[in-house]
Protein backbone atom coordinates (compact mmCIF):
# COMPACT_ATOMS: atom_id res chain seq x y z
CA MET A 1 -0.02 0.18 0.31
CA ASP A 2 1.24 3.73 -1.07
CA TRP A 3 1.73 6.00 1.69
CA PRO A 4 -1.24 8.36 1.27
CA GLY A 5 0.86 11.59 1.32
CA HIS A 6 2.42 10.31 -2.16
CA LYS A 7 -0.58 10.54 -3.79
CA GLN A 8 -0.16 7.56 -5.95
CA ARG A 9 -3.18 5.67 -4.75
CA HIS A 10 -6.26 6.78 -2.67
CA SER A 11 -6.41 4.45 0.21
CA THR A 12 -9.69 4.66 2.07
CA LEU A 13 -11.62 2.34 4.14
CA ARG A 14 -14.40 0.30 2.58
CA LEU A 15 -18.13 -0.19 3.65
CA TYR A 16 -20.00 -2.95 2.32
CA HIS A 17 -23.85 -3.00 2.48
CA ASN A 18 -25.28 -6.75 3.22
CA ASN A 19 -27.85 -7.23 0.26
CA GLY A 20 -29.65 -10.02 2.00
CA ASN A 21 -29.15 -11.94 -1.07
CA GLY A 22 -25.68 -13.27 -0.83
CA THR A 23 -24.38 -10.27 -2.46
CA PHE A 24 -22.66 -6.63 -1.06
CA THR A 25 -22.97 -3.25 -2.36
CA ASP A 26 -19.76 -0.66 -2.16
CA VAL A 27 -21.51 2.16 -0.10
CA THR A 28 -18.38 3.64 1.24
CA SER A 29 -18.93 7.21 -0.87
CA ARG A 30 -22.48 7.27 0.15
CA ALA A 31 -21.84 6.96 3.73
CA GLY A 32 -19.23 9.46 3.83
CA LEU A 33 -16.56 7.17 4.67
CA ASP A 34 -14.57 7.84 1.59
CA ILE A 35 -11.78 9.63 3.43
CA GLU A 36 -7.99 9.05 2.84
CA MET A 37 -6.19 7.47 5.46
CA TYR A 38 -3.70 4.68 6.46
CA GLY A 39 -6.18 2.59 7.96
CA MET A 40 -4.95 -0.28 10.62
CA GLY A 41 -7.60 -1.63 12.51
CA VAL A 42 -11.43 -1.46 13.45
CA ALA A 43 -13.47 -1.38 16.16
CA VAL A 44 -17.38 -1.20 16.34
CA GLY A 45 -19.49 0.07 19.31
CA ASP A 46 -22.33 2.25 20.23
CA TYR A 47 -20.40 4.78 22.19
CA ASN A 48 -23.30 7.65 22.83
CA ASN A 49 -26.18 4.62 23.28
CA ASP A 50 -28.14 5.65 20.48
CA GLY A 51 -28.99 2.31 18.79
CA PHE A 52 -26.70 2.94 15.89
CA PRO A 53 -23.13 1.33 15.75
CA ASP A 54 -20.27 3.92 15.62
CA ILE A 55 -16.60 3.06 13.73
CA LEU A 56 -13.31 3.58 15.28
CA VAL A 57 -10.98 2.94 12.61
CA THR A 58 -6.84 2.56 13.93
CA CYS A 59 -4.24 4.64 11.67
CA VAL A 60 -0.63 5.25 10.95
CA GLY A 61 -1.13 8.76 11.54
CA GLN A 62 -4.60 9.95 13.17
CA ASN A 63 -7.14 7.47 14.07
CA ARG A 64 -10.32 8.41 13.15
CA LEU A 65 -13.74 8.12 15.05
CA PHE A 66 -17.08 7.95 12.79
CA HIS A 67 -20.55 8.59 14.42
CA ASN A 68 -23.42 6.83 12.82
CA THR A 69 -26.05 8.96 12.23
CA GLY A 70 -28.61 6.48 11.82
CA LYS A 71 -29.63 7.41 8.29
CA GLY A 72 -27.05 5.30 6.46
CA THR A 73 -24.01 8.18 6.97
CA PHE A 74 -21.26 8.94 9.46
CA ILE A 75 -19.61 11.95 10.43
CA ASP A 76 -16.33 12.15 11.30
CA VAL A 77 -15.85 13.22 14.86
CA THR A 78 -12.64 12.25 15.93
CA ASN A 79 -11.66 16.11 16.92
CA VAL A 80 -15.07 16.89 18.45
CA SER A 81 -14.69 13.74 20.50
CA GLY A 82 -11.31 14.36 22.06
CA LEU A 83 -9.54 11.90 20.14
CA GLY A 84 -7.72 14.30 17.48
CA LYS A 85 -4.26 15.45 17.58
CA ARG A 86 -2.41 11.91 18.55
CA LEU A 87 -0.45 10.49 15.98
CA GLY A 88 0.79 7.09 16.34
CA PHE A 89 1.27 3.76 14.72
CA SER A 90 -2.02 2.42 16.13
CA THR A 91 -3.28 -1.28 15.67
CA SER A 92 -5.88 -3.30 17.34
CA ALA A 93 -8.53 -1.55 19.66
CA LEU A 94 -11.55 -2.36 21.52
CA TRP A 95 -14.74 -0.85 22.89
CA PHE A 96 -15.38 -1.56 26.79
CA ASP A 97 -16.89 -0.46 29.80
CA TYR A 98 -14.55 -0.39 32.29
CA ASP A 99 -15.91 1.60 35.19
CA ARG A 100 -19.14 0.16 34.14
CA ASP A 101 -21.33 3.66 34.04
CA GLY A 102 -23.29 2.13 31.01
CA LEU A 103 -20.79 4.19 28.82
CA LEU A 104 -18.00 2.47 26.35
CA ASP A 105 -14.77 3.52 26.98
CA LEU A 106 -12.09 2.90 24.11
CA PHE A 107 -8.41 0.98 24.37
CA VAL A 108 -6.09 1.42 21.48
CA CYS A 109 -3.13 -0.46 20.79
CA ASN A 110 0.05 1.42 19.27
CA TYR A 111 2.90 -0.58 18.07
CA VAL A 112 6.35 1.51 17.81
CA LYS A 113 7.90 4.98 17.28
CA TRP A 114 7.60 4.92 13.42
CA SER A 115 7.35 7.13 10.96
CA PRO A 116 8.67 7.31 6.92
CA GLU A 117 11.35 9.96 8.27
CA ARG A 118 12.28 7.52 11.00
CA ASP A 119 12.43 4.14 8.72
CA VAL A 120 15.17 2.18 9.20
CA PHE A 121 16.72 0.00 6.41
CA CYS A 122 16.42 -3.90 6.86
CA SER A 123 16.99 -6.94 4.91
CA LEU A 124 16.69 -10.80 5.48
CA ASP A 125 18.96 -11.47 2.50
CA GLY A 126 20.98 -8.39 2.12
CA LYS A 127 19.66 -7.09 -1.22
CA HIS A 128 15.78 -6.63 -0.46
CA LYS A 129 14.29 -4.10 2.07
CA SER A 130 12.44 -5.89 4.56
CA TYR A 131 10.31 -4.93 7.59
CA CYS A 132 12.61 -4.59 10.59
CA THR A 133 12.26 -6.50 14.04
CA PRO A 134 10.47 -4.67 16.60
CA GLU A 135 13.70 -4.08 18.38
CA ALA A 136 15.00 -1.74 15.81
CA TYR A 137 12.40 0.95 16.98
CA ARG A 138 11.40 2.46 20.35
CA GLY A 139 7.98 1.06 21.83
CA GLU A 140 4.76 3.01 22.76
CA THR A 141 2.19 3.04 25.00
CA CYS A 142 -1.44 1.81 24.61
CA TRP A 143 -3.87 4.52 25.02
CA LEU A 144 -7.41 4.54 27.26
CA PHE A 145 -9.96 6.51 26.93
CA HIS A 146 -13.34 7.22 29.21
CA ASN A 147 -16.29 8.29 27.86
CA ARG A 148 -17.74 11.29 29.70
CA GLY A 149 -21.10 10.58 28.13
CA ASN A 150 -21.38 13.71 26.18
CA GLY A 151 -19.81 12.70 23.03
CA THR A 152 -16.26 13.35 24.18
CA PHE A 153 -13.75 11.44 25.98
CA GLU A 154 -11.05 12.13 28.35
CA ASP A 155 -7.76 10.63 27.89
CA VAL A 156 -6.88 8.40 31.26
CA THR A 157 -3.95 6.52 29.69
CA ALA A 158 -1.37 7.67 32.73
CA SER A 159 -3.93 7.97 35.70
CA SER A 160 -5.41 4.57 34.89
CA GLY A 161 -2.05 2.82 35.12
CA ILE A 162 -1.86 1.89 31.48
CA PHE A 163 0.96 4.02 30.39
CA ASP A 164 4.05 1.95 29.57
CA SER A 165 6.32 2.91 26.92
CA SER A 166 7.93 -0.20 26.25
CA SER A 167 4.66 -2.01 25.19
CA LYS A 168 4.91 -2.98 21.32
CA SER A 169 1.46 -3.94 21.06
CA LEU A 170 -0.76 -5.74 18.42
CA GLY A 171 -3.88 -7.53 19.64
CA VAL A 172 -6.28 -6.75 22.39
CA ALA A 173 -8.76 -8.99 23.99
CA MET A 174 -11.14 -8.37 26.89
CA LEU A 175 -12.20 -10.96 29.88
CA ASP A 176 -13.04 -10.99 33.16
CA ASP A 177 -9.70 -12.64 34.72
CA GLY A 178 -11.05 -11.90 38.07
CA GLN A 179 -14.55 -13.40 37.52
CA ASP A 180 -15.83 -10.27 39.29
CA GLY A 181 -17.96 -8.64 36.88
CA TRP A 182 -15.32 -6.07 35.91
CA PRO A 183 -13.63 -6.06 32.89
CA ASP A 184 -9.98 -7.15 32.39
CA LEU A 185 -7.66 -6.59 29.45
CA LEU A 186 -5.17 -8.93 27.64
CA VAL A 187 -2.64 -7.34 25.49
CA ALA A 188 -0.69 -9.22 22.50
CA ASN A 189 2.93 -7.22 22.61
CA ASP A 190 5.83 -8.17 19.95
CA THR A 191 8.74 -9.03 21.10
CA GLN A 192 7.69 -7.22 24.72
CA PRO A 193 6.21 -9.28 27.64
CA ASN A 194 2.13 -9.78 27.02
CA LYS A 195 0.09 -7.61 29.26
CA LEU A 196 -2.87 -8.72 31.69
CA TYR A 197 -4.62 -5.30 32.88
CA ARG A 198 -6.48 -6.72 36.12
CA ASN A 199 -9.38 -4.14 36.82
CA LEU A 200 -8.81 -2.86 40.12
CA ARG A 201 -12.43 -1.53 40.16
CA ASN A 202 -11.82 2.13 41.16
CA GLY A 203 -10.62 3.43 37.85
CA THR A 204 -7.43 1.96 37.40
CA PHE A 205 -5.46 -1.27 36.19
CA ARG A 206 -2.38 -3.14 36.95
CA ASP A 207 -0.24 -5.42 35.20
CA ALA A 208 -0.55 -9.46 36.33
CA ALA A 209 0.50 -11.18 33.22
CA VAL A 210 3.81 -12.34 34.71
CA GLU A 211 2.38 -13.92 37.69
CA ALA A 212 -0.69 -14.88 35.72
CA GLY A 213 1.71 -17.23 33.30
CA LEU A 214 0.48 -15.26 30.38
CA ALA A 215 3.82 -12.62 29.81
CA PHE A 216 6.20 -15.16 28.38
CA SER A 217 6.41 -18.23 26.84
CA SER A 218 6.91 -21.53 28.90
CA GLU A 219 10.52 -21.26 28.03
CA GLY A 220 10.35 -17.87 29.45
CA LYS A 221 10.88 -15.70 26.29
CA ALA A 222 8.84 -12.77 25.01
CA ARG A 223 7.58 -14.09 22.01
CA ALA A 224 6.11 -12.28 18.64
CA GLY A 225 2.57 -11.88 20.05
CA MET A 226 0.28 -10.76 17.44
CA GLY A 227 -3.15 -11.65 17.58
CA VAL A 228 -5.14 -12.67 20.71
CA ASP A 229 -9.01 -14.37 21.52
CA ILE A 230 -10.09 -15.29 24.76
CA ALA A 231 -12.95 -17.81 25.11
CA ASP A 232 -14.56 -20.75 27.26
CA PHE A 233 -12.83 -23.47 24.80
CA THR A 234 -13.28 -26.05 27.56
CA ASN A 235 -17.12 -25.49 28.75
CA SER A 236 -15.67 -25.65 32.09
CA GLY A 237 -16.90 -21.73 33.12
CA ARG A 238 -13.49 -20.42 33.27
CA SER A 239 -12.03 -18.67 29.64
CA GLY A 240 -8.70 -19.83 28.07
CA VAL A 241 -6.68 -17.72 25.49
CA ALA A 242 -5.13 -17.85 22.39
CA ILE A 243 -2.12 -15.66 21.10
CA THR A 244 -0.53 -16.19 17.71
CA ASN A 245 2.79 -15.63 17.45
CA PHE A 246 5.92 -15.66 14.91
CA ASP A 247 7.24 -18.99 12.74
CA ASN A 248 8.72 -21.17 14.81
CA GLU A 249 7.12 -19.85 18.00
CA MET A 250 4.03 -21.69 17.63
CA THR A 251 0.52 -20.19 18.74
CA GLY A 252 -0.34 -19.94 22.37
CA LEU A 253 -3.03 -21.70 24.06
CA TYR A 254 -3.48 -21.33 27.39
CA GLU A 255 -5.98 -23.04 30.19
CA PHE A 256 -6.33 -21.99 33.66
CA GLY A 257 -4.78 -24.38 36.20
CA GLY A 258 -6.49 -23.00 38.86
CA LYS A 259 -3.90 -19.97 39.98
CA THR A 260 -1.95 -19.61 36.59
CA TYR A 261 -2.72 -20.33 32.98
CA GLU A 262 -0.55 -23.10 31.24
CA ASP A 263 0.36 -23.41 27.77
CA VAL A 264 -1.16 -26.42 26.48
CA ALA A 265 -0.62 -25.94 22.75
CA ALA A 266 2.01 -28.57 22.41
CA GLN A 267 -0.33 -31.43 23.81
CA ALA A 268 -3.33 -30.21 22.55
CA GLY A 269 -2.16 -30.32 18.71
CA VAL A 270 -2.02 -26.52 18.00
CA GLY A 271 1.63 -26.31 18.75
CA LEU A 272 3.20 -28.08 16.18
CA ALA A 273 0.63 -27.74 13.35
CA SER A 274 1.40 -23.72 13.48
CA LYS A 275 5.04 -24.42 14.30
CA ASN A 276 5.84 -22.95 10.57
CA SER A 277 3.20 -20.48 10.39
CA LEU A 278 3.39 -16.99 11.34
CA GLY A 279 -0.38 -16.24 12.58
CA PHE A 280 -2.00 -13.08 12.92
CA GLY A 281 -5.82 -12.86 13.18
CA CYS A 282 -7.16 -15.63 15.52
CA ILE A 283 -10.94 -16.28 16.61
CA PHE A 284 -12.84 -19.07 18.52
CA LEU A 285 -16.24 -20.17 17.01
CA ASP A 286 -17.87 -23.13 17.00
CA ALA A 287 -17.68 -24.03 13.85
CA ASN A 288 -19.59 -27.26 13.31
CA LEU A 289 -22.22 -26.14 16.16
CA ASP A 290 -21.49 -29.04 18.22
CA GLY A 291 -21.10 -26.95 21.45
CA TRP A 292 -17.41 -26.75 21.58
CA LEU A 293 -15.55 -23.71 20.44
CA ASP A 294 -13.16 -24.35 17.62
CA LEU A 295 -10.00 -21.85 16.67
CA ALA A 296 -9.08 -20.49 13.27
CA VAL A 297 -6.02 -18.52 12.38
CA ALA A 298 -5.04 -16.22 9.81
CA ASN A 299 -1.42 -16.97 8.59
CA GLY A 300 1.13 -15.28 6.61
CA HIS A 301 4.77 -13.91 6.68
CA ILE A 302 5.88 -10.38 6.74
CA ASP A 303 8.71 -10.65 4.02
CA ASP A 304 8.31 -11.94 0.61
CA THR A 305 11.82 -13.38 0.42
CA VAL A 306 11.26 -15.57 3.46
CA ARG A 307 11.36 -19.06 1.02
CA ASN A 308 14.88 -17.75 0.11
CA ILE A 309 16.41 -17.61 3.44
CA ARG A 310 14.26 -20.73 5.12
CA GLY A 311 12.82 -23.14 2.54
CA ASN A 312 10.12 -24.73 4.80
CA VAL A 313 8.40 -21.05 5.41
CA GLY A 314 6.51 -19.13 2.77
CA TYR A 315 5.33 -15.66 2.55
CA ALA A 316 1.80 -16.78 1.54
CA GLN A 317 0.70 -19.38 4.38
CA PRO A 318 -2.48 -21.63 4.38
CA PRO A 319 -5.07 -20.48 7.20
CA LEU A 320 -5.66 -22.88 10.09
CA LEU A 321 -9.17 -24.34 11.43
CA PHE A 322 -8.62 -26.47 14.58
CA LEU A 323 -11.70 -28.96 15.17
CA ASN A 324 -12.08 -29.20 19.08
CA ASN A 325 -13.19 -32.77 19.90
CA SER A 326 -13.89 -32.06 23.39
CA LYS A 327 -12.00 -33.94 25.10
CA GLY A 328 -8.75 -31.47 25.62
CA ASN A 329 -7.39 -31.85 21.63
CA PHE A 330 -7.70 -30.21 18.53
CA ARG A 331 -6.94 -31.25 14.80
CA ASP A 332 -6.48 -28.71 11.75
CA ILE A 333 -9.23 -29.66 9.23
CA ALA A 334 -8.44 -26.61 6.85
CA THR A 335 -7.90 -29.04 4.08
CA GLU A 336 -11.45 -30.62 4.40
CA VAL A 337 -13.71 -27.38 4.58
CA GLY A 338 -13.44 -26.56 1.01
CA GLY A 339 -14.07 -23.18 -0.84
CA GLY A 340 -10.50 -22.98 -1.31
CA PHE A 341 -10.12 -22.04 2.12
CA GLU A 342 -6.87 -24.14 2.60
CA ARG A 343 -4.96 -22.32 -0.31
CA PRO A 344 -1.93 -20.13 0.93
CA LYS A 345 -2.57 -16.47 1.68
CA VAL A 346 -0.58 -13.56 3.20
CA GLY A 347 -3.23 -13.34 5.84
CA ARG A 348 -3.62 -10.66 8.19
CA GLY A 349 -6.92 -9.96 9.77
CA LEU A 350 -9.67 -12.62 10.96
CA ALA A 351 -13.49 -12.04 12.01
CA TYR A 352 -16.73 -13.85 12.23
CA ALA A 353 -20.50 -13.31 11.69
CA ASP A 354 -23.63 -14.92 10.54
CA PHE A 355 -23.97 -12.81 7.12
CA ASP A 356 -26.57 -14.97 5.52
CA ARG A 357 -28.20 -15.40 8.76
CA ASP A 358 -28.75 -19.06 8.60
CA GLY A 359 -27.57 -19.72 12.09
CA ASP A 360 -23.95 -20.55 11.87
CA LEU A 361 -20.83 -18.50 11.29
CA ASP A 362 -19.13 -17.32 8.27
CA LEU A 363 -15.22 -16.00 8.06
CA LEU A 364 -13.92 -13.19 6.50
CA LEU A 365 -10.27 -12.93 6.07
CA THR A 366 -8.14 -9.96 4.67
CA THR A 367 -5.12 -10.36 3.23
CA ASN A 368 -1.56 -8.14 2.92
CA ASN A 369 -1.98 -5.74 -0.24
CA GLY A 370 -4.44 -8.23 -1.52
CA PRO A 371 -8.28 -9.44 -1.67
CA ALA A 372 -10.40 -10.03 1.34
CA TYR A 373 -12.30 -13.55 1.10
CA LEU A 374 -15.61 -14.46 2.53
CA TYR A 375 -16.12 -17.88 3.63
CA ARG A 376 -19.48 -18.70 3.69
CA ASN A 377 -20.49 -21.74 6.52
CA ASP A 378 -22.65 -24.23 4.99
CA GLN A 379 -23.50 -27.41 7.54
CA LEU A 380 -23.87 -30.57 6.49
CA THR A 381 -24.35 -32.54 9.92
CA GLY A 382 -27.70 -30.88 10.52
CA ASN A 383 -26.41 -29.51 13.70
CA ARG A 384 -28.39 -26.49 14.98
CA SER A 385 -27.91 -23.50 16.81
CA ILE A 386 -29.43 -20.83 19.12
CA ARG A 387 -28.27 -16.87 19.28
CA PHE A 388 -28.30 -13.96 21.13
CA ARG A 389 -28.54 -10.51 20.67
CA LEU A 390 -28.32 -8.33 23.74
CA VAL A 391 -29.56 -4.79 24.36
CA GLY A 392 -28.42 -2.87 27.50
CA THR A 393 -30.37 -0.31 29.25
CA LYS A 394 -28.70 0.54 32.07
CA SER A 395 -25.66 -1.47 30.68
CA ASN A 396 -23.90 0.13 27.39
CA ARG A 397 -26.49 -0.86 24.95
CA ASP A 398 -24.62 -3.03 22.76
CA GLY A 399 -24.42 -5.20 25.90
CA ILE A 400 -20.39 -5.54 25.16
CA GLY A 401 -19.01 -7.14 28.48
CA ALA A 402 -22.32 -9.06 29.20
CA THR A 403 -21.89 -13.12 29.88
CA VAL A 404 -24.59 -15.61 28.66
CA ARG A 405 -24.30 -18.96 29.84
CA ILE A 406 -27.06 -21.65 28.42
CA VAL A 407 -27.71 -25.32 29.59
CA SER A 408 -28.90 -27.97 27.39
CA SER A 409 -29.39 -31.62 28.26
CA GLY A 410 -27.19 -30.98 31.17
CA SER A 411 -24.17 -29.81 29.17
CA SER A 412 -23.14 -25.89 30.01
CA GLN A 413 -21.98 -23.38 27.71
CA SER A 414 -20.76 -19.62 28.05
CA ARG A 415 -20.07 -16.72 25.64
CA MET A 416 -18.79 -13.17 26.47
CA VAL A 417 -20.20 -10.12 24.30
CA LYS A 418 -16.92 -8.46 22.99
CA SER A 419 -15.47 -6.05 20.87
CA GLY A 420 -11.65 -6.28 20.09
CA SER A 421 -9.80 -9.61 19.74
CA SER A 422 -7.94 -11.45 16.65
CA TYR A 423 -5.99 -8.83 14.84
CA LEU A 424 -7.42 -5.68 13.65
CA SER A 425 -10.61 -6.86 13.55
CA GLN A 426 -14.10 -7.00 14.73
CA SER A 427 -16.58 -9.94 15.06
CA GLU A 428 -20.36 -9.39 15.32
CA LEU A 429 -21.62 -8.84 18.85
CA PRO A 430 -24.54 -11.47 18.83
CA VAL A 431 -23.23 -14.58 20.67
CA THR A 432 -23.74 -18.26 18.89
CA PHE A 433 -24.17 -21.79 20.72
CA GLY A 434 -23.93 -25.03 18.67
CA LEU A 435 -26.14 -27.67 20.19
CA GLU A 436 -25.67 -30.39 17.83
CA LYS A 437 -29.21 -31.79 17.00
CA ARG A 438 -31.29 -30.70 20.06
CA ASP A 439 -34.20 -28.48 19.88
CA ARG A 440 -34.40 -26.20 22.83
CA VAL A 441 -32.61 -24.75 25.84
CA GLU A 442 -33.50 -25.41 29.00
CA ARG A 443 -31.99 -22.25 30.53
CA ALA A 444 -30.05 -19.06 29.35
CA VAL A 445 -28.75 -16.90 32.23
CA ILE A 446 -27.28 -13.41 31.29
CA THR A 447 -25.41 -11.60 33.43
CA TRP A 448 -25.18 -7.97 32.37
CA PRO A 449 -22.41 -5.48 32.86
CA SER A 450 -24.66 -3.53 35.18
CA GLY A 451 -24.55 -6.49 37.51
CA ARG A 452 -28.15 -7.49 36.93
CA THR A 453 -28.50 -11.32 36.07
CA GLU A 454 -31.83 -12.27 34.04
CA GLU A 455 -32.56 -16.32 33.47
CA PHE A 456 -35.00 -17.53 30.62
CA GLN A 457 -36.38 -20.78 30.43
CA ASN A 458 -37.49 -23.22 27.70
CA LEU A 459 -35.90 -21.53 24.72
CA ALA A 460 -36.34 -22.96 20.66
CA ALA A 461 -33.22 -24.18 18.84
CA GLY A 462 -32.89 -22.51 15.55
CA ARG A 463 -33.98 -18.80 16.99
CA CYS A 464 -32.16 -15.53 17.20
CA TYR A 465 -33.41 -13.91 20.43
CA GLU A 466 -33.19 -10.40 21.53
CA CYS A 467 -32.65 -9.63 24.97
CA THR A 468 -33.41 -6.26 26.33
CA GLU A 469 -32.01 -5.64 29.90
CA GLY A 470 -34.76 -5.52 32.22
CA LYS A 471 -37.63 -5.97 29.90
CA GLY A 472 -37.61 -9.73 28.41
CA ILE A 473 -36.67 -11.93 25.71
CA SER A 474 -38.42 -12.33 22.22
CA PRO A 475 -37.62 -13.90 18.83
CA LEU A 476 -36.06 -12.02 16.21
CA ASP A 477 -37.74 -12.28 12.62
CA GLY A 478 -35.73 -14.26 10.35
CA TYR A 479 -32.84 -16.35 12.13
């Protein structure tokens, strides 16, 4: 991609309208988003609780916040919101309500202090220019912005305890590590220790990654953390973690062992399969709707000459789709799912959504200097699902940070409504549970960020339910 100031190429984000028939229409210009920028990542959330999702685009340079007018258009409110006049190399971001006041706050990852003027020449083979390792540049702190509730944000990076200029952050995911209802953050850093920011419930955070076992590899090394996702893939009621890393470092897969997290990637079948891959986006999803979360990973190297240096590692790399067998093991089935999914790509972002509203989760994979790939999930097993879309009233309207737990035929599953995760990506906010062939859910329990708990019983499979905080539950038209 050309640098925007060079003017050889008009670089904007793209907004595609779902036509409801399997096709999309590019509405970027009509929506007012045809704005030149060097975009990196995206986070979507209704920061003013008006019922319309707003868009934060992270950039090299100035990040952009676009307010949704509700009329099919967006307005750039970066400066009036207080997010302007901050230049950086921003990467992933997420919306979350860290003080549980019903308003979404904003966390932004930053990578290194880089600009075209500070660029350093690096090469793998001594001839061709390549990306430098992060050690060539100084780190940069992440940013935390508190939502004032009047359309503006306050920079609380320093006062919250988030400030850390040694970080080189690429991915961020939210979790409830303390299981106290207050959202915590896990940040994946490149060649620096990962950060686990525990929410102290007073507007401040403390990094507990070292004591939690998430800062380093099992060998005590800071790996090249890229993407990160968090979910209850063991159906134990406790979330685990996936972190993608550089080739020869393996994707990390962490289970909570009672006091600390333990990297079980090697014994779970994820380690060896990912050893020669450079992972970026990663997401947990129930791809086959059997009630167990699987793991998808987008792969691709950063240097197109790497094959000349390491013959077993290519620039374009196949994505991975690890099927969870419910017994602590995963098997890569990328070559079995069809649709060209297994073909090598220079993968970067990865997100899921049920774009065709048939009850299963489809995948969108983006590539470096190449096309995006949309993979439609077609269930051949006859497995069913149930989906929930949350609307907060006292909590933030998106219900971000809420947990949904279902019980069906004696088995239990849980999902958190979350922004962020993966790498530079945003998946849909509704949560999806696979039910195999079961036709109903005995109980669904929602724990809202406000602290309110609601329980609903005897819900039919094959439906998407809208749950409005304090006002009940109702099936949505269509799926």
